[in-house]
Amino acid sequence: MKRLWTPAWIARHVAMVVLVVSFLGLGWWQISRATAGNSLSWGYAVEWPIFAGFVVYVWWREVKLARRREAEADAPPADPAVEPAPTVTTGSRPAVRRPVRVSRVPASTGDVVEDTDLAAYNHYLSWLNANPGARPGDYPG
Protein backbone atom coordinates (compact mmCIF):
# COMPACT_ATOMS: atom_id res chain seq x y z
CA MET A 1 0.00 0.00 0.00
CA LYS A 2 2.99 2.32 0.39
CA ARG A 3 3.31 2.60 -3.38
CA LEU A 4 -0.17 4.12 -3.59
CA TRP A 5 0.96 7.16 -1.55
CA THR A 6 3.81 8.36 -3.75
CA PRO A 7 3.51 11.88 -5.21
CA ALA A 8 2.43 10.46 -8.59
CA TRP A 9 -0.31 8.36 -6.99
CA ILE A 10 -1.49 11.24 -4.81
CA ALA A 11 -1.86 13.30 -7.98
CA ARG A 12 -3.88 10.45 -9.54
CA HIS A 13 -6.14 10.21 -6.48
CA VAL A 14 -6.72 13.96 -6.50
CA ALA A 15 -7.36 13.98 -10.26
CA MET A 16 -9.89 11.18 -9.86
CA VAL A 17 -11.78 13.00 -7.10
CA VAL A 18 -11.75 16.32 -9.00
CA LEU A 19 -12.95 14.69 -12.21
CA VAL A 20 -15.72 12.70 -10.52
CA VAL A 21 -17.00 15.72 -8.59
CA SER A 22 -16.81 17.88 -11.73
CA PHE A 23 -18.61 15.34 -13.90
CA LEU A 24 -21.36 14.81 -11.34
CA GLY A 25 -21.71 18.60 -10.97
CA LEU A 26 -22.02 18.97 -14.73
CA GLY A 27 -24.65 16.21 -14.73
CA TRP A 28 -26.61 18.06 -12.05
CA TRP A 29 -26.33 21.29 -14.06
CA GLN A 30 -27.69 19.50 -17.14
CA ILE A 31 -30.62 18.16 -15.10
CA SER A 32 -31.46 21.71 -14.02
CA ARG A 33 -31.31 22.87 -17.66
CA ALA A 34 -33.46 19.93 -18.78
CA THR A 35 -36.16 20.67 -16.22
CA ALA A 36 -36.15 24.29 -17.43
CA GLY A 37 -37.23 23.12 -20.88
CA ASN A 38 -34.06 22.21 -22.79
CA SER A 39 -34.86 18.67 -23.96
CA LEU A 40 -31.36 18.05 -25.36
CA SER A 41 -29.93 18.36 -21.85
CA TRP A 42 -31.58 15.08 -20.79
CA GLY A 43 -29.00 13.19 -22.86
CA TYR A 44 -26.14 15.13 -21.32
CA ALA A 45 -27.61 14.62 -17.87
CA VAL A 46 -27.20 10.88 -18.42
CA GLU A 47 -23.77 11.16 -20.07
CA TRP A 48 -21.91 13.02 -17.31
CA PRO A 49 -22.49 10.39 -14.58
CA ILE A 50 -21.36 7.72 -17.06
CA PHE A 51 -18.13 9.67 -17.58
CA ALA A 52 -17.68 9.86 -13.80
CA GLY A 53 -18.21 6.09 -13.55
CA PHE A 54 -15.60 5.52 -16.23
CA VAL A 55 -13.05 7.63 -14.31
CA VAL A 56 -13.73 5.57 -11.17
CA TYR A 57 -13.37 2.33 -13.15
CA VAL A 58 -10.01 3.35 -14.66
CA TRP A 59 -8.73 4.51 -11.26
CA TRP A 60 -9.87 1.24 -9.61
CA ARG A 61 -8.20 -0.84 -12.35
CA GLU A 62 -4.91 1.04 -12.01
CA VAL A 63 -4.95 0.66 -8.20
CA LYS A 64 -5.61 -3.07 -8.57
CA LEU A 65 -2.75 -3.40 -11.09
CA ALA A 66 -0.36 -1.48 -8.81
CA ARG A 67 -1.28 -3.69 -5.84
CA ARG A 68 -0.73 -6.82 -7.93
CA ARG A 69 2.71 -5.56 -9.01
CA GLU A 70 3.54 -4.76 -5.40
CA ALA A 71 2.53 -8.26 -4.34
CA GLU A 72 4.68 -9.78 -7.09
CA ALA A 73 7.65 -7.63 -6.06
CA ASP A 74 7.27 -8.64 -2.40
CA ALA A 75 6.99 -12.35 -3.22
CA PRO A 76 10.07 -14.42 -2.41
CA PRO A 77 12.25 -15.23 -5.42
CA ALA A 78 11.70 -18.58 -7.06
CA ASP A 79 14.12 -21.44 -6.45
CA PRO A 80 16.89 -21.02 -9.08
CA ALA A 81 17.38 -24.81 -9.23
CA VAL A 82 13.89 -25.23 -10.64
CA GLU A 83 13.61 -23.66 -14.07
CA PRO A 84 10.08 -22.34 -14.65
CA ALA A 85 8.42 -23.09 -17.96
CA PRO A 86 8.48 -20.14 -20.35
CA THR A 87 5.18 -18.32 -20.44
CA VAL A 88 3.59 -16.98 -23.56
CA THR A 89 1.82 -14.12 -21.82
CA THR A 90 3.03 -11.62 -19.24
CA GLY A 91 0.08 -10.47 -17.18
CA SER A 92 -2.63 -9.58 -19.65
CA ARG A 93 -0.28 -8.66 -22.49
CA PRO A 94 1.28 -11.17 -24.88
CA ALA A 95 5.03 -11.54 -24.62
CA VAL A 96 7.15 -10.31 -27.51
CA ARG A 97 9.21 -13.13 -28.92
CA ARG A 98 11.79 -13.32 -31.68
CA PRO A 99 10.55 -14.80 -34.95
CA VAL A 100 11.61 -18.32 -35.73
CA ARG A 101 13.44 -18.76 -39.01
CA VAL A 102 12.98 -22.06 -40.74
CA SER A 103 15.51 -23.12 -43.31
CA ARG A 104 13.92 -24.57 -46.40
CA VAL A 105 15.53 -27.55 -47.99
CA PRO A 106 15.35 -27.45 -51.79
CA ALA A 107 13.52 -30.30 -53.41
CA SER A 108 15.67 -33.06 -54.79
CA THR A 109 16.57 -32.61 -58.46
CA GLY A 110 15.88 -36.22 -59.34
CA ASP A 111 12.57 -37.11 -61.00
CA VAL A 112 11.52 -33.46 -61.38
CA VAL A 113 8.34 -33.04 -63.36
CA GLU A 114 8.28 -29.67 -65.15
CA ASP A 115 5.05 -27.71 -64.78
CA THR A 116 4.48 -26.08 -68.17
CA ASP A 117 2.17 -23.37 -66.83
CA LEU A 118 4.69 -22.44 -64.16
CA ALA A 119 7.52 -22.38 -66.71
CA ALA A 120 5.47 -20.13 -69.02
CA TYR A 121 4.63 -17.77 -66.16
CA ASN A 122 8.29 -17.58 -65.09
CA HIS A 123 9.27 -16.83 -68.70
CA TYR A 124 6.66 -14.04 -68.80
CA LEU A 125 8.00 -12.57 -65.55
CA SER A 126 11.59 -12.66 -66.80
CA TRP A 127 10.47 -10.92 -70.03
CA LEU A 128 8.73 -8.19 -67.97
CA ASN A 129 11.89 -7.80 -65.89
CA ALA A 130 14.05 -7.49 -69.02
CA ASN A 131 11.66 -4.92 -70.57
CA PRO A 132 10.77 -2.50 -67.75
CA GLY A 133 8.93 0.00 -69.99
CA ALA A 134 6.79 -2.64 -71.70
CA ARG A 135 3.13 -3.20 -71.01
CA PRO A 136 1.75 -6.69 -70.37
CA GLY A 137 -0.03 -6.54 -73.74
CA ASP A 138 3.33 -6.20 -75.53
CA TYR A 139 4.39 -9.70 -74.47
CA PRO A 140 5.24 -11.67 -77.64
CA GLY A 141 4.63 -15.09 -76.15
C-alpha atoms as a PDB file:
ATOM      1  CA  MET A   1       0.000   0.000   0.000  1.00  0.00           C
ATOM      2  CA  LYS A   2       2.995   2.318   0.387  1.00  0.00           C
ATOM      3  CA  ARG A   3       3.308   2.598  -3.377  1.00  0.00           C
ATOM      4  CA  LEU A   4      -0.174   4.120  -3.591  1.00  0.00           C
ATOM      5  CA  TRP A   5       0.965   7.156  -1.550  1.00  0.00           C
ATOM      6  CA  THR A   6       3.809   8.358  -3.751  1.00  0.00           C
ATOM      7  CA  PRO A   7       3.508  11.878  -5.212  1.00  0.00           C
ATOM      8  CA  ALA A   8       2.434  10.464  -8.587  1.00  0.00           C
ATOM      9  CA  TRP A   9      -0.311   8.362  -6.985  1.00  0.00           C
ATOM     10  CA  ILE A  10      -1.489  11.237  -4.806  1.00  0.00           C
ATOM     11  CA  ALA A  11      -1.862  13.301  -7.985  1.00  0.00           C
ATOM     12  CA  ARG A  12      -3.876  10.452  -9.537  1.00  0.00           C
ATOM     13  CA  HIS A  13      -6.142  10.206  -6.479  1.00  0.00           C
ATOM     14  CA  VAL A  14      -6.724  13.963  -6.496  1.00  0.00           C
ATOM     15  CA  ALA A  15      -7.363  13.977 -10.259  1.00  0.00           C
ATOM     16  CA  MET A  16      -9.892  11.176  -9.864  1.00  0.00           C
ATOM     17  CA  VAL A  17     -11.780  13.002  -7.102  1.00  0.00           C
ATOM     18  CA  VAL A  18     -11.747  16.318  -8.997  1.00  0.00           C
ATOM     19  CA  LEU A  19     -12.953  14.687 -12.215  1.00  0.00           C
ATOM     20  CA  VAL A  20     -15.720  12.697 -10.524  1.00  0.00           C
ATOM     21  CA  VAL A  21     -16.998  15.719  -8.594  1.00  0.00           C
ATOM     22  CA  SER A  22     -16.807  17.881 -11.731  1.00  0.00           C
ATOM     23  CA  PHE A  23     -18.610  15.341 -13.900  1.00  0.00           C
ATOM     24  CA  LEU A  24     -21.357  14.813 -11.343  1.00  0.00           C
ATOM     25  CA  GLY A  25     -21.708  18.596 -10.965  1.00  0.00           C
ATOM     26  CA  LEU A  26     -22.023  18.971 -14.732  1.00  0.00           C
ATOM     27  CA  GLY A  27     -24.654  16.213 -14.727  1.00  0.00           C
ATOM     28  CA  TRP A  28     -26.615  18.064 -12.048  1.00  0.00           C
ATOM     29  CA  TRP A  29     -26.332  21.285 -14.057  1.00  0.00           C
ATOM     30  CA  GLN A  30     -27.688  19.497 -17.145  1.00  0.00           C
ATOM     31  CA  ILE A  31     -30.620  18.160 -15.105  1.00  0.00           C
ATOM     32  CA  SER A  32     -31.458  21.711 -14.020  1.00  0.00           C
ATOM     33  CA  ARG A  33     -31.313  22.865 -17.659  1.00  0.00           C
ATOM     34  CA  ALA A  34     -33.459  19.925 -18.776  1.00  0.00           C
ATOM     35  CA  THR A  35     -36.157  20.674 -16.220  1.00  0.00           C
ATOM     36  CA  ALA A  36     -36.154  24.290 -17.431  1.00  0.00           C
ATOM     37  CA  GLY A  37     -37.231  23.124 -20.884  1.00  0.00           C
ATOM     38  CA  ASN A  38     -34.057  22.206 -22.793  1.00  0.00           C
ATOM     39  CA  SER A  39     -34.858  18.665 -23.960  1.00  0.00           C
ATOM     40  CA  LEU A  40     -31.357  18.054 -25.363  1.00  0.00           C
ATOM     41  CA  SER A  41     -29.926  18.358 -21.848  1.00  0.00           C
ATOM     42  CA  TRP A  42     -31.582  15.077 -20.787  1.00  0.00           C
ATOM     43  CA  GLY A  43     -28.997  13.195 -22.858  1.00  0.00           C
ATOM     44  CA  TYR A  44     -26.138  15.133 -21.325  1.00  0.00           C
ATOM     45  CA  ALA A  45     -27.615  14.621 -17.868  1.00  0.00           C
ATOM     46  CA  VAL A  46     -27.196  10.882 -18.424  1.00  0.00           C
ATOM     47  CA  GLU A  47     -23.770  11.162 -20.068  1.00  0.00           C
ATOM     48  CA  TRP A  48     -21.908  13.023 -17.308  1.00  0.00           C
ATOM     49  CA  PRO A  49     -22.488  10.395 -14.578  1.00  0.00           C
ATOM     50  CA  ILE A  50     -21.357   7.724 -17.059  1.00  0.00           C
ATOM     51  CA  PHE A  51     -18.127   9.670 -17.575  1.00  0.00           C
ATOM     52  CA  ALA A  52     -17.676   9.856 -13.799  1.00  0.00           C
ATOM     53  CA  GLY A  53     -18.205   6.093 -13.548  1.00  0.00           C
ATOM     54  CA  PHE A  54     -15.596   5.516 -16.234  1.00  0.00           C
ATOM     55  CA  VAL A  55     -13.051   7.628 -14.312  1.00  0.00           C
ATOM     56  CA  VAL A  56     -13.728   5.573 -11.169  1.00  0.00           C
ATOM     57  CA  TYR A  57     -13.366   2.330 -13.154  1.00  0.00           C
ATOM     58  CA  VAL A  58     -10.005   3.350 -14.662  1.00  0.00           C
ATOM     59  CA  TRP A  59      -8.728   4.506 -11.261  1.00  0.00           C
ATOM     60  CA  TRP A  60      -9.868   1.240  -9.614  1.00  0.00           C
ATOM     61  CA  ARG A  61      -8.202  -0.843 -12.353  1.00  0.00           C
ATOM     62  CA  GLU A  62      -4.913   1.045 -12.008  1.00  0.00           C
ATOM     63  CA  VAL A  63      -4.946   0.657  -8.198  1.00  0.00           C
ATOM     64  CA  LYS A  64      -5.608  -3.068  -8.575  1.00  0.00           C
ATOM     65  CA  LEU A  65      -2.750  -3.400 -11.086  1.00  0.00           C
ATOM     66  CA  ALA A  66      -0.360  -1.480  -8.808  1.00  0.00           C
ATOM     67  CA  ARG A  67      -1.283  -3.688  -5.843  1.00  0.00           C
ATOM     68  CA  ARG A  68      -0.726  -6.818  -7.934  1.00  0.00           C
ATOM     69  CA  ARG A  69       2.711  -5.558  -9.014  1.00  0.00           C
ATOM     70  CA  GLU A  70       3.544  -4.757  -5.403  1.00  0.00           C
ATOM     71  CA  ALA A  71       2.527  -8.263  -4.336  1.00  0.00           C
ATOM     72  CA  GLU A  72       4.682  -9.776  -7.095  1.00  0.00           C
ATOM     73  CA  ALA A  73       7.651  -7.630  -6.060  1.00  0.00           C
ATOM     74  CA  ASP A  74       7.266  -8.640  -2.405  1.00  0.00           C
ATOM     75  CA  ALA A  75       6.990 -12.355  -3.221  1.00  0.00           C
ATOM     76  CA  PRO A  76      10.075 -14.423  -2.406  1.00  0.00           C
ATOM     77  CA  PRO A  77      12.255 -15.230  -5.419  1.00  0.00           C
ATOM     78  CA  ALA A  78      11.702 -18.581  -7.063  1.00  0.00           C
ATOM     79  CA  ASP A  79      14.119 -21.438  -6.451  1.00  0.00           C
ATOM     80  CA  PRO A  80      16.886 -21.020  -9.075  1.00  0.00           C
ATOM     81  CA  ALA A  81      17.382 -24.808  -9.233  1.00  0.00           C
ATOM     82  CA  VAL A  82      13.888 -25.230 -10.640  1.00  0.00           C
ATOM     83  CA  GLU A  83      13.610 -23.661 -14.070  1.00  0.00           C
ATOM     84  CA  PRO A  84      10.077 -22.340 -14.650  1.00  0.00           C
ATOM     85  CA  ALA A  85       8.424 -23.087 -17.963  1.00  0.00           C
ATOM     86  CA  PRO A  86       8.481 -20.143 -20.350  1.00  0.00           C
ATOM     87  CA  THR A  87       5.184 -18.321 -20.443  1.00  0.00           C
ATOM     88  CA  VAL A  88       3.590 -16.979 -23.563  1.00  0.00           C
ATOM     89  CA  THR A  89       1.821 -14.116 -21.817  1.00  0.00           C
ATOM     90  CA  THR A  90       3.026 -11.620 -19.237  1.00  0.00           C
ATOM     91  CA  GLY A  91       0.077 -10.471 -17.175  1.00  0.00           C
ATOM     92  CA  SER A  92      -2.634  -9.583 -19.652  1.00  0.00           C
ATOM     93  CA  ARG A  93      -0.281  -8.655 -22.492  1.00  0.00           C
ATOM     94  CA  PRO A  94       1.285 -11.170 -24.884  1.00  0.00           C
ATOM     95  CA  ALA A  95       5.031 -11.542 -24.623  1.00  0.00           C
ATOM     96  CA  VAL A  96       7.151 -10.312 -27.514  1.00  0.00           C
ATOM     97  CA  ARG A  97       9.211 -13.126 -28.917  1.00  0.00           C
ATOM     98  CA  ARG A  98      11.786 -13.323 -31.681  1.00  0.00           C
ATOM     99  CA  PRO A  99      10.552 -14.795 -34.947  1.00  0.00           C
ATOM    100  CA  VAL A 100      11.611 -18.322 -35.731  1.00  0.00           C
ATOM    101  CA  ARG A 101      13.437 -18.764 -39.008  1.00  0.00           C
ATOM    102  CA  VAL A 102      12.979 -22.060 -40.738  1.00  0.00           C
ATOM    103  CA  SER A 103      15.510 -23.120 -43.312  1.00  0.00           C
ATOM    104  CA  ARG A 104      13.921 -24.568 -46.398  1.00  0.00           C
ATOM    105  CA  VAL A 105      15.531 -27.553 -47.993  1.00  0.00           C
ATOM    106  CA  PRO A 106      15.353 -27.452 -51.786  1.00  0.00           C
ATOM    107  CA  ALA A 107      13.516 -30.298 -53.411  1.00  0.00           C
ATOM    108  CA  SER A 108      15.668 -33.063 -54.786  1.00  0.00           C
ATOM    109  CA  THR A 109      16.573 -32.614 -58.463  1.00  0.00           C
ATOM    110  CA  GLY A 110      15.880 -36.219 -59.337  1.00  0.00           C
ATOM    111  CA  ASP A 111      12.566 -37.107 -60.999  1.00  0.00           C
ATOM    112  CA  VAL A 112      11.521 -33.460 -61.379  1.00  0.00           C
ATOM    113  CA  VAL A 113       8.342 -33.040 -63.363  1.00  0.00           C
ATOM    114  CA  GLU A 114       8.281 -29.674 -65.147  1.00  0.00           C
ATOM    115  CA  ASP A 115       5.047 -27.705 -64.781  1.00  0.00           C
ATOM    116  CA  THR A 116       4.480 -26.083 -68.170  1.00  0.00           C
ATOM    117  CA  ASP A 117       2.165 -23.375 -66.834  1.00  0.00           C
ATOM    118  CA  LEU A 118       4.693 -22.439 -64.159  1.00  0.00           C
ATOM    119  CA  ALA A 119       7.518 -22.380 -66.709  1.00  0.00           C
ATOM    120  CA  ALA A 120       5.470 -20.131 -69.018  1.00  0.00           C
ATOM    121  CA  TYR A 121       4.633 -17.766 -66.161  1.00  0.00           C
ATOM    122  CA  ASN A 122       8.290 -17.581 -65.089  1.00  0.00           C
ATOM    123  CA  HIS A 123       9.271 -16.831 -68.702  1.00  0.00           C
ATOM    124  CA  TYR A 124       6.657 -14.043 -68.796  1.00  0.00           C
ATOM    125  CA  LEU A 125       8.001 -12.566 -65.552  1.00  0.00           C
ATOM    126  CA  SER A 126      11.592 -12.663 -66.804  1.00  0.00           C
ATOM    127  CA  TRP A 127      10.475 -10.919 -70.032  1.00  0.00           C
ATOM    128  CA  LEU A 128       8.727  -8.189 -67.967  1.00  0.00           C
ATOM    129  CA  ASN A 129      11.887  -7.802 -65.894  1.00  0.00           C
ATOM    130  CA  ALA A 130      14.053  -7.495 -69.017  1.00  0.00           C
ATOM    131  CA  ASN A 131      11.657  -4.923 -70.569  1.00  0.00           C
ATOM    132  CA  PRO A 132      10.775  -2.500 -67.754  1.00  0.00           C
ATOM    133  CA  GLY A 133       8.931  -0.004 -69.989  1.00  0.00           C
ATOM    134  CA  ALA A 134       6.789  -2.644 -71.695  1.00  0.00           C
ATOM    135  CA  ARG A 135       3.128  -3.205 -71.014  1.00  0.00           C
ATOM    136  CA  PRO A 136       1.747  -6.692 -70.372  1.00  0.00           C
ATOM    137  CA  GLY A 137      -0.035  -6.542 -73.736  1.00  0.00           C
ATOM    138  CA  ASP A 138       3.328  -6.202 -75.528  1.00  0.00           C
ATOM    139  CA  TYR A 139       4.386  -9.705 -74.475  1.00  0.00           C
ATOM    140  CA  PRO A 140       5.236 -11.668 -77.644  1.00  0.00           C
ATOM    141  CA  GLY A 141       4.628 -15.087 -76.146  1.00  0.00           C
END
